[in-house]
């Protein structure tokens, strides 16, 4: 008995699943541990290359988490490390400007397999008067600095439902207030960074929440 192969997808079948490993995340503060600093971390790079070679495509990597809300970008900072701000002015139990990075942050990420999909975390927590300048400068640095990888989205903020608890916000802070702040930052990044290079406004991810149970988030 012969078996015939059906080339067309049957009606009602699920979408094809990517052969890629599902993906994983690296805290923004720990990027240099995985990439290496002035010399490459060959263990991490070989692991990712092996996954890409085995499946045929590299895994999706999220750079973000808790510390994306503690980190700002300084174009003048040129070390292979995350710098610590000795005079932070941002709000929060861990101030929203506690750390900073420079161009080397994105340079070392480019050591990973070519065309690896990247979600880059941007800060929502920082809310000083220059917050628009700060978020757009980070987004621009990622968009121009990741030449070997495939930047596919920006995630603005992390776990905003905890912002009252960790001191990032005071007063009225709920899902509605979060949404308005998220939209203002997304609009600034779109108009200042994405639109000029022909990238659409569907390039964003909302922040991951710690829990949505019983809240307006």
Protein backbone atom coordinates (compact mmCIF):
# COMPACT_ATOMS: atom_id res chain seq x y z
CA UNK A 1 0.00 0.00 0.00
CA UNK A 2 1.39 3.44 -0.93
CA UNK A 3 1.00 6.55 1.21
CA UNK A 4 0.22 9.80 -0.56
CA UNK A 5 1.56 13.08 0.78
CA UNK A 6 -0.95 15.93 0.98
CA UNK A 7 0.83 19.15 0.07
CA UNK A 8 -2.05 21.50 0.92
CA UNK A 9 -2.79 22.36 4.55
CA UNK A 10 -6.11 20.75 5.61
CA UNK A 11 -8.96 23.10 6.49
CA UNK A 12 -9.04 23.92 10.20
CA UNK A 13 -5.46 22.80 10.85
CA UNK A 14 -3.32 24.83 13.22
CA UNK A 15 -0.72 27.23 11.90
CA UNK A 16 2.76 25.86 11.25
CA UNK A 17 4.99 26.01 14.32
CA UNK A 18 8.38 27.66 13.94
CA UNK A 19 11.29 25.22 14.13
CA UNK A 20 13.04 27.72 16.40
CA UNK A 21 13.59 27.03 20.07
CA UNK A 22 10.73 28.84 21.87
CA UNK A 23 13.02 31.58 23.10
CA UNK A 24 14.43 32.91 26.34
CA UNK A 25 15.35 36.12 28.09
CA UNK A 26 18.41 37.84 29.52
CA UNK A 27 18.13 40.55 32.16
CA UNK A 28 19.45 43.82 30.76
CA UNK A 29 21.93 44.08 33.65
CA UNK A 30 23.41 40.65 32.81
CA UNK A 31 23.99 41.00 29.06
CA UNK A 32 27.78 41.22 29.34
CA UNK A 33 27.89 38.01 31.40
CA UNK A 34 26.37 36.11 28.47
CA UNK A 35 28.09 37.90 25.59
CA UNK A 36 31.45 38.52 27.18
CA UNK A 37 33.02 41.95 27.54
CA UNK A 38 36.06 42.95 25.48
CA UNK A 39 36.48 39.24 24.65
CA UNK A 40 33.56 37.04 23.62
CA UNK A 41 31.91 34.44 25.87
CA UNK A 42 32.33 31.47 23.53
CA UNK A 43 30.19 29.18 25.73
CA UNK A 44 27.02 31.26 25.21
CA UNK A 45 27.77 31.99 21.57
CA UNK A 46 28.48 28.34 20.73
CA UNK A 47 25.30 27.25 22.53
CA UNK A 48 23.16 29.65 20.50
CA UNK A 49 24.91 28.72 17.26
CA UNK A 50 24.32 25.03 18.01
CA UNK A 51 20.60 25.69 18.59
CA UNK A 52 20.39 27.67 15.36
CA UNK A 53 22.19 24.97 13.39
CA UNK A 54 20.06 22.19 14.90
CA UNK A 55 16.68 23.82 14.25
CA UNK A 56 17.59 25.83 11.17
CA UNK A 57 16.85 29.20 12.77
CA UNK A 58 18.10 31.03 15.89
CA UNK A 59 15.92 31.32 19.01
CA UNK A 60 14.04 34.50 19.93
CA UNK A 61 15.80 36.50 22.65
CA UNK A 62 14.21 39.04 24.99
CA UNK A 63 16.59 41.57 26.52
CA UNK A 64 14.77 43.08 29.48
CA UNK A 65 13.05 42.11 32.71
CA UNK A 66 13.25 43.96 36.00
CA UNK A 67 16.44 45.84 35.19
CA UNK A 68 15.17 47.32 31.90
CA UNK A 69 13.33 49.75 34.21
CA UNK A 70 16.58 50.68 36.01
CA UNK A 71 18.74 51.37 32.93
CA UNK A 72 19.16 54.44 30.72
CA UNK A 73 21.37 54.98 27.67
CA UNK A 74 24.41 57.27 27.46
CA UNK A 75 26.00 57.61 24.04
CA UNK A 76 29.24 58.88 25.62
CA UNK A 77 29.69 55.77 27.82
CA UNK A 78 32.02 53.37 26.01
CA UNK A 79 32.83 50.58 28.47
CA UNK A 80 32.15 46.85 28.09
CA UNK A 81 30.02 46.89 31.24
CA UNK A 82 26.82 48.21 32.76
CA UNK A 83 27.70 51.43 34.58
CA UNK A 84 26.31 52.41 37.98
CA UNK A 85 24.96 55.92 38.43
CA UNK A 86 26.39 57.33 41.65
CA UNK A 87 23.93 60.24 41.71
CA UNK A 88 20.54 58.90 40.60
CA UNK A 89 17.56 61.24 40.55
CA UNK A 90 14.91 58.74 39.44
CA UNK A 91 12.17 57.52 41.72
CA UNK A 92 11.90 53.98 43.12
CA UNK A 93 13.33 51.69 45.78
CA UNK A 94 15.90 50.93 43.08
CA UNK A 95 16.04 54.27 41.23
CA UNK A 96 14.88 54.24 37.62
CA UNK A 97 18.27 55.67 36.56
CA UNK A 98 20.40 53.39 38.76
CA UNK A 99 22.38 51.98 35.81
CA UNK A 100 23.40 53.11 32.35
CA UNK A 101 24.73 51.52 29.18
CA UNK A 102 26.43 52.76 26.01
CA UNK A 103 27.05 51.59 22.43
CA UNK A 104 29.07 48.56 23.54
CA UNK A 105 25.86 47.03 24.96
CA UNK A 106 24.46 46.50 21.47
CA UNK A 107 27.85 45.78 19.93
CA UNK A 108 28.35 42.69 22.11
CA UNK A 109 24.82 41.42 21.40
CA UNK A 110 25.77 41.34 17.72
CA UNK A 111 28.07 38.41 18.57
CA UNK A 112 25.03 36.14 18.68
CA UNK A 113 23.87 34.19 15.58
CA UNK A 114 22.96 36.32 12.57
CA UNK A 115 19.32 37.32 12.17
CA UNK A 116 18.40 36.22 15.71
CA UNK A 117 15.02 37.83 16.59
CA UNK A 118 15.40 40.33 19.43
CA UNK A 119 12.82 41.96 21.69
CA UNK A 120 14.46 44.93 23.39
CA UNK A 121 13.14 46.22 26.71
CA UNK A 122 12.79 49.98 27.23
CA UNK A 123 12.14 51.78 30.50
CA UNK A 124 8.66 52.91 31.47
CA UNK A 125 9.62 53.49 35.11
CA UNK A 126 11.79 56.56 34.47
CA UNK A 127 9.52 59.64 34.58
CA UNK A 128 11.77 62.67 35.03
CA UNK A 129 11.25 65.64 32.71
CA UNK A 130 13.55 64.16 30.03
CA UNK A 131 11.80 60.77 29.90
CA UNK A 132 10.91 61.11 26.21
CA UNK A 133 14.51 61.91 25.28
CA UNK A 134 15.74 58.99 27.37
CA UNK A 135 13.44 56.33 25.91
CA UNK A 136 13.92 57.47 22.32
CA UNK A 137 17.72 57.54 22.65
CA UNK A 138 17.72 53.95 23.93
CA UNK A 139 15.38 52.85 21.14
CA UNK A 140 17.50 54.58 18.50
CA UNK A 141 20.67 52.97 19.84
CA UNK A 142 19.06 49.52 19.59
CA UNK A 143 17.67 50.17 16.12
CA UNK A 144 21.01 51.32 14.72
CA UNK A 145 23.36 49.23 16.86
CA UNK A 146 21.97 45.73 16.24
CA UNK A 147 23.25 45.33 12.70
CA UNK A 148 23.74 41.52 12.82
CA UNK A 149 20.52 40.66 14.66
CA UNK A 150 16.84 41.10 13.78
CA UNK A 151 15.24 43.63 16.12
CA UNK A 152 11.55 42.68 15.95
CA UNK A 153 9.93 44.59 18.82
CA UNK A 154 10.26 46.99 21.75
CA UNK A 155 8.76 46.08 25.12
CA UNK A 156 8.03 49.22 27.13
CA UNK A 157 8.27 48.64 30.89
CA UNK A 158 8.21 45.52 33.03
CA UNK A 159 5.57 44.47 35.59
CA UNK A 160 3.89 47.88 35.87
CA UNK A 161 1.32 46.45 38.28
CA UNK A 162 4.11 46.54 40.91
CA UNK A 163 5.08 50.18 40.33
CA UNK A 164 3.32 51.42 43.50
CA UNK A 165 4.91 48.67 45.56
CA UNK A 166 8.44 49.34 44.34
CA UNK A 167 8.13 53.14 44.42
CA UNK A 168 8.19 53.85 40.69
CA UNK A 169 4.81 55.59 40.98
CA UNK A 170 2.72 57.24 43.71
CA UNK A 171 -0.90 58.37 43.91
CA UNK A 172 -3.36 56.95 41.40
CA UNK A 173 -1.71 54.20 39.40
CA UNK A 174 -3.90 51.66 37.66
CA UNK A 175 -4.37 50.06 34.27
CA UNK A 176 -5.77 53.24 32.77
CA UNK A 177 -2.88 55.44 33.98
CA UNK A 178 -0.40 52.83 32.76
CA UNK A 179 -2.05 52.69 29.33
CA UNK A 180 -1.82 56.45 28.83
CA UNK A 181 1.86 56.53 29.83
CA UNK A 182 2.61 53.54 27.61
CA UNK A 183 0.89 55.17 24.64
CA UNK A 184 2.79 58.43 25.05
CA UNK A 185 6.14 56.64 25.05
CA UNK A 186 5.21 54.35 22.18
CA UNK A 187 4.09 57.34 20.12
CA UNK A 188 7.40 59.12 20.76
CA UNK A 189 9.47 56.06 19.81
CA UNK A 190 7.38 55.52 16.71
CA UNK A 191 7.57 59.09 15.44
CA UNK A 192 11.20 59.67 16.43
CA UNK A 193 12.81 56.30 15.69
CA UNK A 194 10.66 53.86 13.72
CA UNK A 195 8.65 55.94 11.25
CA UNK A 196 11.74 57.71 9.78
CA UNK A 197 13.18 54.33 8.73
CA UNK A 198 9.91 52.89 7.46
CA UNK A 199 9.03 50.62 10.41
CA UNK A 200 5.33 50.40 11.28
CA UNK A 201 3.64 51.22 14.58
CA UNK A 202 2.90 47.53 15.29
CA UNK A 203 6.46 47.12 16.57
CA UNK A 204 5.60 47.26 20.29
CA UNK A 205 4.79 44.82 23.08
CA UNK A 206 2.97 45.83 26.27
CA UNK A 207 4.83 45.27 29.50
CA UNK A 208 4.69 41.86 31.15
CA UNK A 209 2.77 41.99 34.43
CA UNK A 210 3.53 40.19 37.67
CA UNK A 211 -0.17 39.31 38.06
CA UNK A 212 -3.44 40.54 36.62
CA UNK A 213 -5.63 38.91 39.27
CA UNK A 214 -8.12 41.37 40.74
CA UNK A 215 -6.53 44.43 39.13
CA UNK A 216 -7.28 46.80 36.26
CA UNK A 217 -4.12 45.63 34.51
